[in-house]
């Protein structure tokens, strides 16, 4: 590989990583902002003459119960091994609902031969 091709490949790779990191960073910021904005937004205070209304109490701002972090929820997740289609039919709706909250790139599964038929391995 010539020196020019190597430099071009290196620059392209670094640029791709930088742009990808920026897109991920902005996506995470937007997601955090949308989750925290209803809780942290304070109602606009009206000015009455020269006096302002007192700020809302902490109880009003944090009315919802504190939720566990996503890391704790993932670590408490139940691991399921499916070996028959009937079991998969029971698990699939729950899996789809959980994937709406925690999207993943894919599910780990393999085919395994047992005698004369194939079987899924997750």
PDB file of N, CA and C in Angstrom:
ATOM      1  N   UNK A   1       0.855  -1.169   0.000  1.00  0.00           N
ATOM      2  CA  UNK A   1       0.000   0.000   0.000  1.00  0.00           C
ATOM      3  C   UNK A   1       0.902   1.233   0.000  1.00  0.00           C
ATOM      4  N   UNK A   2       0.594   2.170  -0.875  1.00  0.00           N
ATOM      5  CA  UNK A   2       1.439   3.364  -0.970  1.00  0.00           C
ATOM      6  C   UNK A   2       1.202   4.293   0.215  1.00  0.00           C
ATOM      7  N   UNK A   3       2.114   5.192   0.404  1.00  0.00           N
ATOM      8  CA  UNK A   3       2.032   6.132   1.521  1.00  0.00           C
ATOM      9  C   UNK A   3       0.796   7.019   1.400  1.00  0.00           C
ATOM     10  N   UNK A   4       0.466   7.446   0.188  1.00  0.00           N
ATOM     11  CA  UNK A   4      -0.707   8.307  -0.010  1.00  0.00           C
ATOM     12  C   UNK A   4      -1.992   7.565   0.359  1.00  0.00           C
ATOM     13  N   UNK A   5      -2.093   6.311  -0.041  1.00  0.00           N
ATOM     14  CA  UNK A   5      -3.281   5.529   0.299  1.00  0.00           C
ATOM     15  C   UNK A   5      -3.386   5.320   1.805  1.00  0.00           C
ATOM     16  N   UNK A   6      -2.271   5.085   2.454  1.00  0.00           N
ATOM     17  CA  UNK A   6      -2.261   4.881   3.897  1.00  0.00           C
ATOM     18  C   UNK A   6      -2.701   6.147   4.632  1.00  0.00           C
ATOM     19  N   UNK A   7      -2.213   7.295   4.206  1.00  0.00           N
ATOM     20  CA  UNK A   7      -2.603   8.568   4.821  1.00  0.00           C
ATOM     21  C   UNK A   7      -4.089   8.827   4.587  1.00  0.00           C
ATOM     22  N   UNK A   8      -4.560   8.591   3.375  1.00  0.00           N
ATOM     23  CA  UNK A   8      -5.977   8.808   3.070  1.00  0.00           C
ATOM     24  C   UNK A   8      -6.858   7.885   3.902  1.00  0.00           C
ATOM     25  N   UNK A   9      -6.467   6.637   4.040  1.00  0.00           N
ATOM     26  CA  UNK A   9      -7.223   5.685   4.846  1.00  0.00           C
ATOM     27  C   UNK A   9      -7.249   6.105   6.312  1.00  0.00           C
ATOM     28  N   UNK A  10      -6.120   6.553   6.836  1.00  0.00           N
ATOM     29  CA  UNK A  10      -6.043   6.986   8.231  1.00  0.00           C
ATOM     30  C   UNK A  10      -6.913   8.211   8.477  1.00  0.00           C
ATOM     31  N   UNK A  11      -6.844   9.188   7.593  1.00  0.00           N
ATOM     32  CA  UNK A  11      -7.647  10.407   7.748  1.00  0.00           C
ATOM     33  C   UNK A  11      -9.130  10.076   7.658  1.00  0.00           C
ATOM     34  N   UNK A  12      -9.508   9.240   6.713  1.00  0.00           N
ATOM     35  CA  UNK A  12     -10.913   8.855   6.563  1.00  0.00           C
ATOM     36  C   UNK A  12     -11.412   8.118   7.798  1.00  0.00           C
ATOM     37  N   UNK A  13     -10.607   7.222   8.334  1.00  0.00           N
ATOM     38  CA  UNK A  13     -10.994   6.479   9.531  1.00  0.00           C
ATOM     39  C   UNK A  13     -11.169   7.410  10.721  1.00  0.00           C
ATOM     40  N   UNK A  14     -10.222   8.296  10.937  1.00  0.00           N
ATOM     41  CA  UNK A  14     -10.320   9.234  12.060  1.00  0.00           C
ATOM     42  C   UNK A  14     -11.517  10.158  11.915  1.00  0.00           C
ATOM     43  N   UNK A  15     -11.774  10.619  10.710  1.00  0.00           N
ATOM     44  CA  UNK A  15     -12.930  11.483  10.470  1.00  0.00           C
ATOM     45  C   UNK A  15     -14.234  10.726  10.725  1.00  0.00           C
ATOM     46  N   UNK A  16     -14.299   9.488  10.282  1.00  0.00           N
ATOM     47  CA  UNK A  16     -15.493   8.676  10.519  1.00  0.00           C
ATOM     48  C   UNK A  16     -15.743   8.427  11.991  1.00  0.00           C
ATOM     49  N   UNK A  17     -14.690   8.132  12.724  1.00  0.00           N
ATOM     50  CA  UNK A  17     -14.819   7.914  14.168  1.00  0.00           C
ATOM     51  C   UNK A  17     -15.268   9.196  14.860  1.00  0.00           C
ATOM     52  N   UNK A  18     -14.709  10.331  14.457  1.00  0.00           N
ATOM     53  CA  UNK A  18     -15.078  11.609  15.077  1.00  0.00           C
ATOM     54  C   UNK A  18     -16.542  11.938  14.808  1.00  0.00           C
ATOM     55  N   UNK A  19     -16.980  11.784  13.578  1.00  0.00           N
ATOM     56  CA  UNK A  19     -18.377  12.091  13.236  1.00  0.00           C
ATOM     57  C   UNK A  19     -19.319  11.119  13.940  1.00  0.00           C
ATOM     58  N   UNK A  20     -18.966   9.842  13.960  1.00  0.00           N
ATOM     59  CA  UNK A  20     -19.797   8.859  14.651  1.00  0.00           C
ATOM     60  C   UNK A  20     -19.897   9.141  16.138  1.00  0.00           C
ATOM     61  N   UNK A  21     -18.786   9.500  16.754  1.00  0.00           N
ATOM     62  CA  UNK A  21     -18.806   9.845  18.175  1.00  0.00           C
ATOM     63  C   UNK A  21     -19.643  11.074  18.455  1.00  0.00           C
ATOM     64  N   UNK A  22     -19.559  12.058  17.569  1.00  0.00           N
ATOM     65  CA  UNK A  22     -20.359  13.266  17.737  1.00  0.00           C
ATOM     66  C   UNK A  22     -21.849  12.953  17.625  1.00  0.00           C
ATOM     67  N   UNK A  23     -22.224  12.136  16.665  1.00  0.00           N
ATOM     68  CA  UNK A  23     -23.634  11.774  16.495  1.00  0.00           C
ATOM     69  C   UNK A  23     -24.137  11.022  17.721  1.00  0.00           C
ATOM     70  N   UNK A  24     -23.350  10.075  18.225  1.00  0.00           N
ATOM     71  CA  UNK A  24     -23.749   9.361  19.436  1.00  0.00           C
ATOM     72  C   UNK A  24     -23.877  10.306  20.624  1.00  0.00           C
ATOM     73  N   UNK A  25     -22.934  11.197  20.776  1.00  0.00           N
ATOM     74  CA  UNK A  25     -22.945  12.136  21.894  1.00  0.00           C
ATOM     75  C   UNK A  25     -24.191  13.018  21.848  1.00  0.00           C
ATOM     76  N   UNK A  26     -24.515  13.552  20.661  1.00  0.00           N
ATOM     77  CA  UNK A  26     -25.702  14.398  20.532  1.00  0.00           C
ATOM     78  C   UNK A  26     -26.974  13.597  20.794  1.00  0.00           C
ATOM     79  N   UNK A  27     -27.016  12.359  20.345  1.00  0.00           N
ATOM     80  CA  UNK A  27     -28.183  11.517  20.593  1.00  0.00           C
ATOM     81  C   UNK A  27     -28.382  11.247  22.066  1.00  0.00           C
ATOM     82  N   UNK A  28     -27.295  10.969  22.767  1.00  0.00           N
ATOM     83  CA  UNK A  28     -27.385  10.726  24.208  1.00  0.00           C
ATOM     84  C   UNK A  28     -27.814  11.992  24.930  1.00  0.00           C
ATOM     85  N   UNK A  29     -27.270  13.137  24.537  1.00  0.00           N
ATOM     86  CA  UNK A  29     -27.670  14.401  25.160  1.00  0.00           C
ATOM     87  C   UNK A  29     -29.154  14.665  24.950  1.00  0.00           C
ATOM     88  N   UNK A  30     -29.621  14.469  23.730  1.00  0.00           N
ATOM     89  CA  UNK A  30     -31.025  14.722  23.420  1.00  0.00           C
ATOM     90  C   UNK A  30     -31.921  13.786  24.217  1.00  0.00           C
ATOM     91  N   UNK A  31     -31.506  12.537  24.360  1.00  0.00           N
ATOM     92  CA  UNK A  31     -32.301  11.570  25.101  1.00  0.00           C
ATOM     93  C   UNK A  31     -32.355  11.935  26.584  1.00  0.00           C
ATOM     94  N   UNK A  32     -31.222  12.320  27.148  1.00  0.00           N
ATOM     95  CA  UNK A  32     -31.192  12.719  28.560  1.00  0.00           C
ATOM     96  C   UNK A  32     -32.015  13.979  28.785  1.00  0.00           C
ATOM     97  N   UNK A  33     -31.901  14.919  27.873  1.00  0.00           N
ATOM     98  CA  UNK A  33     -32.635  16.172  28.003  1.00  0.00           C
ATOM     99  C   UNK A  33     -34.139  15.918  27.962  1.00  0.00           C
ATOM    100  N   UNK A  34     -34.598  15.044  27.089  1.00  0.00           N
ATOM    101  CA  UNK A  34     -36.028  14.786  26.978  1.00  0.00           C
ATOM    102  C   UNK A  34     -36.545  14.033  28.194  1.00  0.00           C
ATOM    103  N   UNK A  35     -35.705  13.200  28.822  1.00  0.00           N
ATOM    104  CA  UNK A  35     -36.134  12.474  30.011  1.00  0.00           C
ATOM    105  C   UNK A  35     -36.155  13.366  31.244  1.00  0.00           C
ATOM    106  N   UNK A  36     -35.205  14.292  31.369  1.00  0.00           N
ATOM    107  CA  UNK A  36     -35.110  15.098  32.576  1.00  0.00           C
ATOM    108  C   UNK A  36     -35.873  16.404  32.488  1.00  0.00           C
ATOM    109  N   UNK A  37     -36.237  16.850  31.314  1.00  0.00           N
ATOM    110  CA  UNK A  37     -36.858  18.161  31.190  1.00  0.00           C
ATOM    111  C   UNK A  37     -38.206  18.274  31.898  1.00  0.00           C
ATOM    112  N   UNK A  38     -39.112  17.277  31.875  1.00  0.00           N
ATOM    113  CA  UNK A  38     -40.369  17.456  32.593  1.00  0.00           C
ATOM    114  C   UNK A  38     -40.173  17.568  34.098  1.00  0.00           C
ATOM    115  N   UNK A  39     -39.166  16.917  34.643  1.00  0.00           N
ATOM    116  CA  UNK A  39     -38.955  16.939  36.083  1.00  0.00           C
ATOM    117  C   UNK A  39     -38.270  18.224  36.514  1.00  0.00           C
ATOM    118  N   UNK A  40     -37.301  18.699  35.742  1.00  0.00           N
ATOM    119  CA  UNK A  40     -36.502  19.828  36.183  1.00  0.00           C
ATOM    120  C   UNK A  40     -37.041  21.178  35.747  1.00  0.00           C
ATOM    121  N   UNK A  41     -38.018  21.202  34.868  1.00  0.00           N
ATOM    122  CA  UNK A  41     -38.553  22.488  34.450  1.00  0.00           C
ATOM    123  C   UNK A  41     -39.338  23.104  35.599  1.00  0.00           C
ATOM    124  N   UNK A  42     -39.043  24.346  35.864  1.00  0.00           N
ATOM    125  CA  UNK A  42     -39.772  25.048  36.895  1.00  0.00           C
ATOM    126  C   UNK A  42     -40.808  25.930  36.218  1.00  0.00           C
ATOM    127  N   UNK A  43     -41.993  26.032  36.823  1.00  0.00           N
ATOM    128  CA  UNK A  43     -42.990  26.908  36.227  1.00  0.00           C
ATOM    129  C   UNK A  43     -42.507  28.353  36.284  1.00  0.00           C
ATOM    130  N   UNK A  44     -42.896  29.118  35.293  1.00  0.00           N
ATOM    131  CA  UNK A  44     -42.480  30.515  35.232  1.00  0.00           C
ATOM    132  C   UNK A  44     -43.081  31.261  36.419  1.00  0.00           C
ATOM    133  N   UNK A  45     -42.248  32.042  37.063  1.00  0.00           N
ATOM    134  CA  UNK A  45     -42.704  32.797  38.214  1.00  0.00           C
ATOM    135  C   UNK A  45     -43.285  34.122  37.744  1.00  0.00           C
ATOM    136  N   UNK A  46     -44.455  34.445  38.271  1.00  0.00           N
ATOM    137  CA  UNK A  46     -45.099  35.704  37.906  1.00  0.00           C
ATOM    138  C   UNK A  46     -44.638  36.800  38.857  1.00  0.00           C
ATOM    139  N   UNK A  47     -44.455  37.964  38.315  1.00  0.00           N
ATOM    140  CA  UNK A  47     -44.033  39.096  39.121  1.00  0.00           C
ATOM    141  C   UNK A  47     -45.283  39.871  39.515  1.00  0.00           C
ATOM    142  N   UNK A  48     -45.486  40.013  40.817  1.00  0.00           N
ATOM    143  CA  UNK A  48     -46.613  40.789  41.328  1.00  0.00           C
ATOM    144  C   UNK A  48     -46.041  42.038  41.974  1.00  0.00           C
ATOM    145  N   UNK A  49     -46.152  43.143  41.297  1.00  0.00           N
ATOM    146  CA  UNK A  49     -45.566  44.378  41.797  1.00  0.00           C
ATOM    147  C   UNK A  49     -44.063  44.228  41.816  1.00  0.00           C
ATOM    148  N   UNK A  50     -43.463  44.396  42.985  1.00  0.00           N
ATOM    149  CA  UNK A  50     -42.015  44.243  43.094  1.00  0.00           C
ATOM    150  C   UNK A  50     -41.654  42.917  43.751  1.00  0.00           C
ATOM    151  N   UNK A  51     -42.663  42.092  44.044  1.00  0.00           N
ATOM    152  CA  UNK A  51     -42.406  40.816  44.710  1.00  0.00           C
ATOM    153  C   UNK A  51     -42.513  39.669  43.716  1.00  0.00           C
ATOM    154  N   UNK A  52     -41.696  38.658  43.929  1.00  0.00           N
ATOM    155  CA  UNK A  52     -41.776  37.447  43.118  1.00  0.00           C
ATOM    156  C   UNK A  52     -42.365  36.337  43.966  1.00  0.00           C
ATOM    157  N   UNK A  53     -43.002  35.411  43.311  1.00  0.00           N
ATOM    158  CA  UNK A  53     -43.518  34.258  44.034  1.00  0.00           C
ATOM    159  C   UNK A  53     -42.349  33.393  44.484  1.00  0.00           C
ATOM    160  N   UNK A  54     -42.468  32.743  45.629  1.00  0.00           N
ATOM    161  CA  UNK A  54     -41.379  31.880  46.085  1.00  0.00           C
ATOM    162  C   UNK A  54     -41.229  30.690  45.134  1.00  0.00           C
ATOM    163  N   UNK A  55     -40.011  30.153  45.015  1.00  0.00           N
ATOM    164  CA  UNK A  55     -39.821  28.996  44.136  1.00  0.00           C
ATOM    165  C   UNK A  55     -40.594  27.792  44.657  1.00  0.00           C
ATOM    166  N   UNK A  56     -41.013  26.899  43.776  1.00  0.00           N
ATOM    167  CA  UNK A  56     -41.770  25.729  44.224  1.00  0.00           C
ATOM    168  C   UNK A  56     -40.918  24.849  45.130  1.00  0.00           C
ATOM    169  N   UNK A  57     -41.598  24.170  46.039  1.00  0.00           N
ATOM    170  CA  UNK A  57     -40.881  23.316  46.983  1.00  0.00           C
ATOM    171  C   UNK A  57     -40.344  22.083  46.270  1.00  0.00           C
ATOM    172  N   UNK A  58     -39.378  21.447  46.910  1.00  0.00           N
ATOM    173  CA  UNK A  58     -38.769  20.256  46.326  1.00  0.00           C
ATOM    174  C   UNK A  58     -39.779  19.131  46.141  1.00  0.00           C
ATOM    175  N   UNK A  59     -40.770  19.052  47.028  1.00  0.00           N
ATOM    176  CA  UNK A  59     -41.767  17.993  46.907  1.00  0.00           C
ATOM    177  C   UNK A  59     -42.548  18.125  45.604  1.00  0.00           C
ATOM    178  N   UNK A  60     -42.788  19.345  45.172  1.00  0.00           N
ATOM    179  CA  UNK A  60     -43.534  19.557  43.944  1.00  0.00           C
ATOM    180  C   UNK A  60     -42.691  19.212  42.724  1.00  0.00           C
ATOM    181  N   UNK A  61     -41.388  19.487  42.777  1.00  0.00           N
ATOM    182  CA  UNK A  61     -40.531  19.212  41.631  1.00  0.00           C
ATOM    183  C   UNK A  61     -40.299  17.721  41.435  1.00  0.00           C
ATOM    184  N   UNK A  62     -40.138  16.998  42.512  1.00  0.00           N
ATOM    185  CA  UNK A  62     -39.809  15.582  42.429  1.00  0.00           C
ATOM    186  C   UNK A  62     -40.978  14.752  42.955  1.00  0.00           C
ATOM    187  N   UNK A  63     -42.121  14.896  42.320  1.00  0.00           N
ATOM    188  CA  UNK A  63     -43.302  14.202  42.796  1.00  0.00           C
ATOM    189  C   UNK A  63     -43.264  12.714  42.487  1.00  0.00           C
ATOM    190  N   UNK A  64     -42.570  12.322  41.424  1.00  0.00           N
ATOM    191  CA  UNK A  64     -42.519  10.905  41.089  1.00  0.00           C
ATOM    192  C   UNK A  64     -41.471  10.208  41.958  1.00  0.00           C
ATOM    193  N   UNK A  65     -41.702   8.937  42.225  1.00  0.00           N
ATOM    194  CA  UNK A  65     -40.773   8.170  43.038  1.00  0.00           C
ATOM    195  C   UNK A  65     -39.470   7.964  42.273  1.00  0.00           C
ATOM    196  N   UNK A  66     -38.345   7.958  42.963  1.00  0.00           N
ATOM    197  CA  UNK A  66     -37.075   7.755  42.258  1.00  0.00           C
ATOM    198  C   UNK A  66     -37.029   6.358  41.645  1.00  0.00           C
ATOM    199  N   UNK A  67     -36.589   6.315  40.392  1.00  0.00           N
ATOM    200  CA  UNK A  67     -36.500   5.040  39.692  1.00  0.00           C
ATOM    201  C   UNK A  67     -35.067   4.532  39.753  1.00  0.00           C
ATOM    202  N   UNK A  68     -34.927   3.232  39.656  1.00  0.00           N
ATOM    203  CA  UNK A  68     -33.578   2.675  39.646  1.00  0.00           C
ATOM    204  C   UNK A  68     -32.918   2.992  38.312  1.00  0.00           C
ATOM    205  N   UNK A  69     -31.618   3.034  38.316  1.00  0.00           N
ATOM    206  CA  UNK A  69     -30.896   3.377  37.100  1.00  0.00           C
ATOM    207  C   UNK A  69     -31.000   2.235  36.091  1.00  0.00           C
ATOM    208  N   UNK A  70     -30.726   2.543  34.834  1.00  0.00           N
ATOM    209  CA  UNK A  70     -30.820   1.526  33.786  1.00  0.00           C
ATOM    210  C   UNK A  70     -29.773   0.441  33.982  1.00  0.00           C
ATOM    211  N   UNK A  71     -28.651   0.795  34.598  1.00  0.00           N
ATOM    212  CA  UNK A  71     -27.621  -0.217  34.841  1.00  0.00           C
ATOM    213  C   UNK A  71     -28.114  -1.255  35.845  1.00  0.00           C
ATOM    214  N   UNK A  72     -28.785  -0.791  36.898  1.00  0.00           N
ATOM    215  CA  UNK A  72     -29.304  -1.715  37.899  1.00  0.00           C
ATOM    216  C   UNK A  72     -30.371  -2.619  37.298  1.00  0.00           C
ATOM    217  N   UNK A  73     -31.229  -2.051  36.450  1.00  0.00           N
ATOM    218  CA  UNK A  73     -32.278  -2.856  35.831  1.00  0.00           C
ATOM    219  C   UNK A  73     -31.695  -3.909  34.892  1.00  0.00           C
ATOM    220  N   UNK A  74     -30.631  -3.570  34.171  1.00  0.00           N
ATOM    221  CA  UNK A  74     -30.021  -4.538  33.260  1.00  0.00           C
ATOM    222  C   UNK A  74     -29.354  -5.661  34.046  1.00  0.00           C
ATOM    223  N   UNK A  75     -28.682  -5.311  35.140  1.00  0.00           N
ATOM    224  CA  UNK A  75     -27.998  -6.331  35.929  1.00  0.00           C
ATOM    225  C   UNK A  75     -28.976  -7.275  36.620  1.00  0.00           C
ATOM    226  N   UNK A  76     -30.200  -6.804  36.888  1.00  0.00           N
ATOM    227  CA  UNK A  76     -31.208  -7.645  37.526  1.00  0.00           C
ATOM    228  C   UNK A  76     -32.008  -8.459  36.509  1.00  0.00           C
ATOM    229  N   UNK A  77     -31.710  -8.296  35.239  1.00  0.00           N
ATOM    230  CA  UNK A  77     -32.479  -8.968  34.190  1.00  0.00           C
ATOM    231  C   UNK A  77     -32.327 -10.483  34.284  1.00  0.00           C
ATOM    232  N   UNK A  78     -33.395 -11.154  33.935  1.00  0.00           N
ATOM    233  CA  UNK A  78     -33.419 -12.605  33.968  1.00  0.00           C
ATOM    234  C   UNK A  78     -32.907 -13.151  32.637  1.00  0.00           C
ATOM    235  N   UNK A  79     -31.976 -14.090  32.696  1.00  0.00           N
ATOM    236  CA  UNK A  79     -31.439 -14.720  31.494  1.00  0.00           C
ATOM    237  C   UNK A  79     -32.316 -15.922  31.168  1.00  0.00           C
ATOM    238  N   UNK A  80     -32.750 -16.017  29.916  1.00  0.00           N
ATOM    239  CA  UNK A  80     -33.662 -17.077  29.504  1.00  0.00           C
ATOM    240  C   UNK A  80     -33.034 -17.875  28.373  1.00  0.00           C
ATOM    241  N   UNK A  81     -33.102 -19.200  28.485  1.00  0.00           N
ATOM    242  CA  UNK A  81     -32.663 -20.085  27.413  1.00  0.00           C
ATOM    243  C   UNK A  81     -33.897 -20.758  26.837  1.00  0.00           C
ATOM    244  N   UNK A  82     -34.084 -20.615  25.545  1.00  0.00           N
ATOM    245  CA  UNK A  82     -35.259 -21.163  24.875  1.00  0.00           C
ATOM    246  C   UNK A  82     -34.813 -22.344  24.032  1.00  0.00           C
ATOM    247  N   UNK A  83     -35.484 -23.479  24.211  1.00  0.00           N
ATOM    248  CA  UNK A  83     -35.095 -24.662  23.445  1.00  0.00           C
ATOM    249  C   UNK A  83     -36.220 -25.201  22.571  1.00  0.00           C
ATOM    250  N   UNK A  84     -37.429 -24.666  22.724  1.00  0.00           N
ATOM    251  CA  UNK A  84     -38.547 -25.131  21.906  1.00  0.00           C
ATOM    252  C   UNK A  84     -39.323 -23.937  21.384  1.00  0.00           C
ATOM    253  N   UNK A  85     -40.021 -24.159  20.288  1.00  0.00           N
ATOM    254  CA  UNK A  85     -40.779 -23.074  19.670  1.00  0.00           C
ATOM    255  C   UNK A  85     -41.902 -22.587  20.585  1.00  0.00           C
ATOM    256  N   UNK A  86     -42.511 -23.485  21.347  1.00  0.00           N
ATOM    257  CA  UNK A  86     -43.584 -23.095  22.262  1.00  0.00           C
ATOM    258  C   UNK A  86     -43.055 -22.140  23.333  1.00  0.00           C
ATOM    259  N   UNK A  87     -41.853 -22.400  23.830  1.00  0.00           N
ATOM    260  CA  UNK A  87     -41.252 -21.498  24.816  1.00  0.00           C
ATOM    261  C   UNK A  87     -40.976 -20.133  24.196  1.00  0.00           C
ATOM    262  N   UNK A  88     -40.510 -20.125  22.955  1.00  0.00           N
ATOM    263  CA  UNK A  88     -40.229 -18.871  22.264  1.00  0.00           C
ATOM    264  C   UNK A  88     -41.502 -18.055  22.087  1.00  0.00           C
ATOM    265  N   UNK A  89     -42.618 -18.730  21.763  1.00  0.00           N
ATOM    266  CA  UNK A  89     -43.887 -18.026  21.582  1.00  0.00           C
ATOM    267  C   UNK A  89     -44.338 -17.351  22.871  1.00  0.00           C
ATOM    268  N   UNK A  90     -43.980 -17.918  24.022  1.00  0.00           N
ATOM    269  CA  UNK A  90     -44.331 -17.302  25.303  1.00  0.00           C
ATOM    270  C   UNK A  90     -43.402 -16.137  25.638  1.00  0.00           C
ATOM    271  N   UNK A  91     -42.137 -16.249  25.297  1.00  0.00           N
ATOM    272  CA  UNK A  91     -41.132 -15.251  25.663  1.00  0.00           C
ATOM    273  C   UNK A  91     -41.122 -14.060  24.709  1.00  0.00           C
ATOM    274  N   UNK A  92     -41.439 -14.274  23.444  1.00  0.00           N
ATOM    275  CA  UNK A  92     -41.278 -13.237  22.424  1.00  0.00           C
ATOM    276  C   UNK A  92     -42.031 -11.937  22.725  1.00  0.00           C
ATOM    277  N   UNK A  93     -43.314 -11.952  23.165  1.00  0.00           N
ATOM    278  CA  UNK A  93     -43.986 -10.666  23.451  1.00  0.00           C
ATOM    279  C   UNK A  93     -43.290  -9.860  24.551  1.00  0.00           C
ATOM    280  N   UNK A  94     -42.834 -10.534  25.590  1.00  0.00           N
ATOM    281  CA  UNK A  94     -42.112  -9.848  26.666  1.00  0.00           C
ATOM    282  C   UNK A  94     -40.806  -9.265  26.150  1.00  0.00           C
ATOM    283  N   UNK A  95     -40.113 -10.029  25.330  1.00  0.00           N
ATOM    284  CA  UNK A  95     -38.851  -9.568  24.762  1.00  0.00           C
ATOM    285  C   UNK A  95     -39.064  -8.339  23.891  1.00  0.00           C
ATOM    286  N   UNK A  96     -40.093  -8.358  23.069  1.00  0.00           N
ATOM    287  CA  UNK A  96     -40.368  -7.209  22.197  1.00  0.00           C
ATOM    288  C   UNK A  96     -40.698  -5.958  23.014  1.00  0.00           C
ATOM    289  N   UNK A  97     -41.459  -6.109  24.102  1.00  0.00           N
ATOM    290  CA  UNK A  97     -41.784  -4.938  24.926  1.00  0.00           C
ATOM    291  C   UNK A  97     -40.536  -4.401  25.624  1.00  0.00           C
ATOM    292  N   UNK A  98     -39.636  -5.280  26.049  1.00  0.00           N
ATOM    293  CA  UNK A  98     -38.404  -4.829  26.689  1.00  0.00           C
ATOM    294  C   UNK A  98     -37.457  -4.186  25.689  1.00  0.00           C
ATOM    295  N   UNK A  99     -37.480  -4.647  24.442  1.00  0.00           N
ATOM    296  CA  UNK A  99     -36.609  -4.071  23.426  1.00  0.00           C
ATOM    297  C   UNK A  99     -37.021  -2.649  23.067  1.00  0.00           C
ATOM    298  N   UNK A 100     -38.274  -2.276  23.330  1.00  0.00           N
ATOM    299  CA  UNK A 100     -38.683  -0.892  23.109  1.00  0.00           C
ATOM    300  C   UNK A 100     -37.973   0.031  24.093  1.00  0.00           C
ATOM    301  N   UNK A 101     -37.753  -0.440  25.319  1.00  0.00           N
ATOM    302  CA  UNK A 101     -37.067   0.362  26.336  1.00  0.00           C
ATOM    303  C   UNK A 101     -35.553   0.298  26.193  1.00  0.00           C
ATOM    304  N   UNK A 102     -35.036  -0.881  25.859  1.00  0.00           N
ATOM    305  CA  UNK A 102     -33.598  -1.095  25.754  1.00  0.00           C
ATOM    306  C   UNK A 102     -33.269  -1.689  24.392  1.00  0.00           C
ATOM    307  N   UNK A 103     -33.176  -0.859  23.366  1.00  0.00           N
ATOM    308  CA  UNK A 103     -32.880  -1.411  22.039  1.00  0.00           C
ATOM    309  C   UNK A 103     -31.468  -1.996  21.982  1.00  0.00           C
ATOM    310  N   UNK A 104     -31.347  -3.102  21.293  1.00  0.00           N
ATOM    311  CA  UNK A 104     -30.058  -3.758  21.107  1.00  0.00           C
ATOM    312  C   UNK A 104     -29.839  -3.988  19.622  1.00  0.00           C
ATOM    313  N   UNK A 105     -28.632  -4.307  19.265  1.00  0.00           N
ATOM    314  CA  UNK A 105     -28.328  -4.544  17.859  1.00  0.00           C
ATOM    315  C   UNK A 105     -28.826  -5.896  17.382  1.00  0.00           C
ATOM    316  N   UNK A 106     -28.949  -6.858  18.246  1.00  0.00           N
ATOM    317  CA  UNK A 106     -29.406  -8.178  17.833  1.00  0.00           C
ATOM    318  C   UNK A 106     -29.536  -9.116  19.005  1.00  0.00           C
ATOM    319  N   UNK A 107     -30.001 -10.295  18.703  1.00  0.00           N
ATOM    320  CA  UNK A 107     -30.168 -11.331  19.709  1.00  0.00           C
ATOM    321  C   UNK A 107     -29.206 -12.451  19.351  1.00  0.00           C
ATOM    322  N   UNK A 108     -28.516 -12.973  20.327  1.00  0.00           N
ATOM    323  CA  UNK A 108     -27.555 -14.037  20.074  1.00  0.00           C
ATOM    324  C   UNK A 108     -28.303 -15.356  19.937  1.00  0.00           C
ATOM    325  N   UNK A 109     -28.241 -15.958  18.773  1.00  0.00           N
ATOM    326  CA  UNK A 109     -28.880 -17.247  18.569  1.00  0.00           C
ATOM    327  C   UNK A 109     -28.058 -18.070  17.586  1.00  0.00           C
ATOM    328  N   UNK A 110     -28.157 -19.366  17.726  1.00  0.00           N
ATOM    329  CA  UNK A 110     -27.429 -20.291  16.868  1.00  0.00           C
ATOM    330  C   UNK A 110     -28.326 -21.483  16.570  1.00  0.00           C
ATOM    331  N   UNK A 111     -27.998 -22.169  15.490  1.00  0.00           N
ATOM    332  CA  UNK A 111     -28.668 -23.425  15.172  1.00  0.00           C
ATOM    333  C   UNK A 111     -27.796 -24.565  15.672  1.00  0.00           C
ATOM    334  N   UNK A 112     -28.430 -25.561  16.250  1.00  0.00           N
ATOM    335  CA  UNK A 112     -27.708 -26.741  16.702  1.00  0.00           C
ATOM    336  C   UNK A 112     -28.447 -27.975  16.209  1.00  0.00           C
ATOM    337  N   UNK A 113     -27.715 -28.954  15.755  1.00  0.00           N
ATOM    338  CA  UNK A 113     -28.341 -30.163  15.225  1.00  0.00           C
ATOM    339  C   UNK A 113     -28.498 -31.191  16.352  1.00  0.00           C
ATOM    340  N   UNK A 114     -29.743 -31.630  16.560  1.00  0.00           N
ATOM    341  CA  UNK A 114     -30.060 -32.700  17.503  1.00  0.00           C
ATOM    342  C   UNK A 114     -30.695 -33.825  16.704  1.00  0.00           C
ATOM    343  N   UNK A 115     -29.954 -34.826  16.448  1.00  0.00           N
ATOM    344  CA  UNK A 115     -30.485 -35.941  15.655  1.00  0.00           C
ATOM    345  C   UNK A 115     -30.715 -35.503  14.223  1.00  0.00           C
ATOM    346  N   UNK A 116     -31.970 -35.522  13.796  1.00  0.00           N
ATOM    347  CA  UNK A 116     -32.288 -35.196  12.401  1.00  0.00           C
ATOM    348  C   UNK A 116     -32.902 -33.819  12.235  1.00  0.00           C
ATOM    349  N   UNK A 117     -33.031 -33.030  13.296  1.00  0.00           N
ATOM    350  CA  UNK A 117     -33.643 -31.718  13.170  1.00  0.00           C
ATOM    351  C   UNK A 117     -32.736 -30.636  13.756  1.00  0.00           C
ATOM    352  N   UNK A 118     -32.974 -29.400  13.317  1.00  0.00           N
ATOM    353  CA  UNK A 118     -32.204 -28.255  13.812  1.00  0.00           C
ATOM    354  C   UNK A 118     -32.956 -27.589  14.948  1.00  0.00           C
ATOM    355  N   UNK A 119     -32.230 -26.942  15.824  1.00  0.00           N
ATOM    356  CA  UNK A 119     -32.832 -26.294  16.978  1.00  0.00           C
ATOM    357  C   UNK A 119     -32.137 -24.953  17.212  1.00  0.00           C
ATOM    358  N   UNK A 120     -32.915 -23.938  17.595  1.00  0.00           N
ATOM    359  CA  UNK A 120     -32.349 -22.623  17.908  1.00  0.00           C
ATOM    360  C   UNK A 120     -31.584 -22.684  19.215  1.00  0.00           C
ATOM    361  N   UNK A 121     -30.476 -21.993  19.280  1.00  0.00           N
ATOM    362  CA  UNK A 121     -29.747 -21.776  20.531  1.00  0.00           C
ATOM    363  C   UNK A 121     -29.625 -20.279  20.725  1.00  0.00           C
ATOM    364  N   UNK A 122     -30.126 -19.762  21.838  1.00  0.00           N
ATOM    365  CA  UNK A 122     -30.039 -18.326  22.116  1.00  0.00           C
ATOM    366  C   UNK A 122     -28.995 -18.092  23.169  1.00  0.00           C
TER     367      UNK A 122
END
